[in-house]
Amino acid sequence: MRVSHYITPEVSTIKNNPSLSTGQLIIINSKTNKLTFYRNGNLVKTFTVATGKSSTPTPTGKFVISNKVKNRPWYKGNIPGGDPRNPLGNRWLGLSVGAAYGIHGNNKETSIGQSVSSGCVRMHNSEIQWLFEQVNVGTTVIIANSPISNGKIARSYGISIA
């Protein structure tokens, strides 16, 4: 019996199940401290970000943008939104993993590219302002800590990207 045309279920699943993303997608890789924004399965822009330190890692999994807030107060430090001391910057994209986690600006620009946060994803203020205007509530966000490509990360959640 010849089995040269046999395709394993794993390959078949990876090859045939993911459908091209039809909307917006953000992939954050805390291993590389990169956030990548896709629209309709196509790369739009990649940013360097800061993610959680080892004692307070950025949560991994598939989430959605649950809210968008301009000038969100920092409740823990009782600092109002818009205050230059606010560590959240002036834009907040809340994640469905919990009210305490989001993608936001910051008041320590030198932290970008490092693993230093309490679990949130920090961006340069000018870059979060751009992303804030592009992203809709409900956008899928995949967060991984992985050496594999974004394409493989997306496929592991049933999403195909270009």
Protein backbone atom coordinates (compact mmCIF):
# COMPACT_ATOMS: atom_id res chain seq x y z
CA MET A 1 0.00 0.00 0.00
CA ARG A 2 1.36 3.37 -0.98
CA VAL A 3 0.99 6.19 1.56
CA SER A 4 2.89 9.01 -0.14
CA HIS A 5 -0.26 11.14 -0.39
CA TYR A 6 -1.15 10.76 3.29
CA ILE A 7 -1.61 14.05 5.18
CA THR A 8 -1.53 13.88 8.95
CA PRO A 9 -4.54 15.37 10.78
CA GLU A 10 -2.29 18.01 12.34
CA VAL A 11 -1.12 19.31 8.95
CA SER A 12 -4.64 19.08 7.58
CA THR A 13 -6.01 21.06 10.51
CA ILE A 14 -3.37 23.76 10.24
CA LYS A 15 -3.70 23.92 6.47
CA ASN A 16 -7.48 23.76 6.08
CA ASN A 17 -9.14 25.18 9.20
CA PRO A 18 -7.82 28.72 9.66
CA SER A 19 -9.73 31.30 7.69
CA LEU A 20 -8.21 34.59 6.66
CA SER A 21 -8.86 37.17 9.34
CA THR A 22 -11.65 39.42 8.08
CA GLY A 23 -11.14 42.24 10.53
CA GLN A 24 -8.54 43.59 12.90
CA LEU A 25 -6.00 41.56 14.81
CA ILE A 26 -3.26 42.46 17.26
CA ILE A 27 -0.49 39.99 18.09
CA ILE A 28 1.74 40.81 21.04
CA ASN A 29 4.81 38.69 21.64
CA SER A 30 6.27 39.32 25.09
CA LYS A 31 9.39 37.30 24.18
CA THR A 32 10.33 39.90 21.54
CA ASN A 33 8.40 42.88 23.02
CA LYS A 34 6.66 43.49 19.70
CA LEU A 35 3.03 44.39 18.98
CA THR A 36 1.86 43.82 15.42
CA PHE A 37 -1.40 45.19 14.01
CA TYR A 38 -3.16 43.43 11.11
CA ARG A 39 -6.18 44.46 9.06
CA ASN A 40 -7.98 41.86 6.94
CA GLY A 41 -5.12 39.42 7.51
CA ASN A 42 -2.49 41.88 6.25
CA LEU A 43 0.32 43.46 8.24
CA VAL A 44 -0.29 47.15 8.88
CA LYS A 45 2.36 48.11 11.44
CA THR A 46 4.72 46.68 14.07
CA PHE A 47 5.67 48.47 17.29
CA THR A 48 8.24 47.88 20.01
CA VAL A 49 6.48 47.69 23.39
CA ALA A 50 7.21 47.05 27.06
CA THR A 51 5.62 43.98 28.66
CA GLY A 52 5.43 42.41 32.10
CA LYS A 53 8.44 41.55 34.19
CA SER A 54 8.98 37.93 35.29
CA SER A 55 7.24 38.49 38.66
CA THR A 56 4.19 40.10 36.97
CA PRO A 57 4.08 38.66 33.44
CA THR A 58 1.78 39.84 30.70
CA PRO A 59 -1.06 37.29 30.49
CA THR A 60 -1.04 35.05 27.43
CA GLY A 61 -4.00 33.85 25.39
CA LYS A 62 -6.69 35.16 23.08
CA PHE A 63 -8.57 38.25 24.25
CA VAL A 64 -10.46 41.19 22.78
CA ILE A 65 -10.26 44.94 23.18
CA SER A 66 -13.03 45.45 25.74
CA ASN A 67 -12.89 49.24 25.99
CA LYS A 68 -11.12 52.34 24.74
CA VAL A 69 -10.49 55.22 27.14
CA LYS A 70 -8.88 58.60 26.56
CA ASN A 71 -7.08 60.00 29.62
CA ARG A 72 -7.88 57.05 31.91
CA PRO A 73 -7.09 57.80 35.55
CA TRP A 74 -4.52 55.64 37.31
CA TYR A 75 -6.70 54.52 40.20
CA LYS A 76 -3.95 52.72 42.13
CA GLY A 77 -1.90 55.91 42.38
CA ASN A 78 -4.90 58.27 42.46
CA ILE A 79 -3.51 60.20 39.48
CA PRO A 80 -6.08 61.75 37.16
CA GLY A 81 -6.16 61.11 33.43
CA GLY A 82 -4.14 63.60 31.41
CA ASP A 83 -1.69 64.22 34.27
CA PRO A 84 1.93 63.91 33.00
CA ARG A 85 2.69 61.71 36.05
CA ASN A 86 0.05 59.17 34.95
CA PRO A 87 1.87 55.93 34.06
CA LEU A 88 -0.95 54.98 31.67
CA GLY A 89 -0.31 57.84 29.28
CA ASN A 90 -3.36 59.36 27.60
CA ARG A 91 -4.79 56.32 25.76
CA TRP A 92 -5.99 52.95 27.12
CA LEU A 93 -7.13 49.87 25.20
CA GLY A 94 -8.62 47.57 27.84
CA LEU A 95 -8.22 43.82 27.45
CA SER A 96 -10.93 41.26 28.23
CA VAL A 97 -8.52 39.38 30.52
CA GLY A 98 -9.47 41.72 33.39
CA ALA A 99 -9.94 45.38 34.22
CA ALA A 100 -6.31 45.67 35.36
CA TYR A 101 -4.76 44.79 31.97
CA GLY A 102 -4.50 46.94 28.89
CA ILE A 103 -2.41 48.36 26.11
CA HIS A 104 -1.56 51.94 26.99
CA GLY A 105 0.84 54.84 26.79
CA ASN A 106 3.29 55.60 29.57
CA ASN A 107 5.25 58.23 31.43
CA LYS A 108 8.61 56.40 31.10
CA GLU A 109 9.45 56.35 27.40
CA THR A 110 12.79 54.65 28.11
CA SER A 111 10.94 51.52 29.34
CA ILE A 112 9.80 50.63 25.81
CA GLY A 113 11.46 47.45 24.56
CA GLN A 114 11.92 46.02 28.05
CA SER A 115 10.04 43.56 30.28
CA VAL A 116 9.31 45.94 33.15
CA SER A 117 5.55 46.42 33.55
CA SER A 118 3.11 44.91 36.02
CA GLY A 119 1.57 42.93 33.15
CA CYS A 120 0.21 45.64 30.88
CA VAL A 121 1.59 46.42 27.44
CA ARG A 122 3.19 49.88 27.28
CA MET A 123 3.66 51.81 24.06
CA HIS A 124 5.19 55.15 23.13
CA ASN A 125 2.47 57.77 23.60
CA SER A 126 2.51 58.86 19.95
CA GLU A 127 2.16 55.24 18.83
CA ILE A 128 -0.72 54.32 21.15
CA GLN A 129 -2.52 57.43 19.94
CA TRP A 130 -2.21 56.19 16.35
CA LEU A 131 -3.27 52.62 17.27
CA PHE A 132 -6.16 53.91 19.40
CA GLU A 133 -7.65 55.63 16.34
CA GLN A 134 -7.32 52.46 14.22
CA VAL A 135 -8.61 49.78 16.60
CA ASN A 136 -12.24 48.96 17.30
CA VAL A 137 -13.70 47.58 20.51
CA GLY A 138 -13.99 43.83 19.93
CA THR A 139 -10.67 43.55 18.05
CA THR A 140 -8.98 40.19 18.68
CA VAL A 141 -5.72 40.35 20.64
CA ILE A 142 -3.42 37.34 20.86
CA ILE A 143 -0.66 37.54 23.44
CA ALA A 144 2.12 34.96 23.34
CA ASN A 145 5.56 34.51 24.82
CA SER A 146 7.05 32.48 22.03
CA PRO A 147 9.98 32.16 19.63
CA ILE A 148 7.65 31.15 16.76
CA SER A 149 6.42 33.45 13.99
CA ASN A 150 3.25 35.52 14.18
CA GLY A 151 1.81 33.36 11.40
CA LYS A 152 2.23 30.23 13.52
CA ILE A 153 0.96 31.99 16.64
CA ALA A 154 -2.18 33.12 14.75
CA ARG A 155 -2.73 29.63 13.25
CA SER A 156 -2.62 28.10 16.73
CA TYR A 157 -5.80 30.14 17.38
CA GLY A 158 -7.41 29.28 14.04
CA ILE A 159 -6.54 32.59 12.34
CA SER A 160 -4.64 32.94 9.07
CA ILE A 161 -2.58 36.03 8.30
CA ALA A 162 -0.62 36.98 5.20
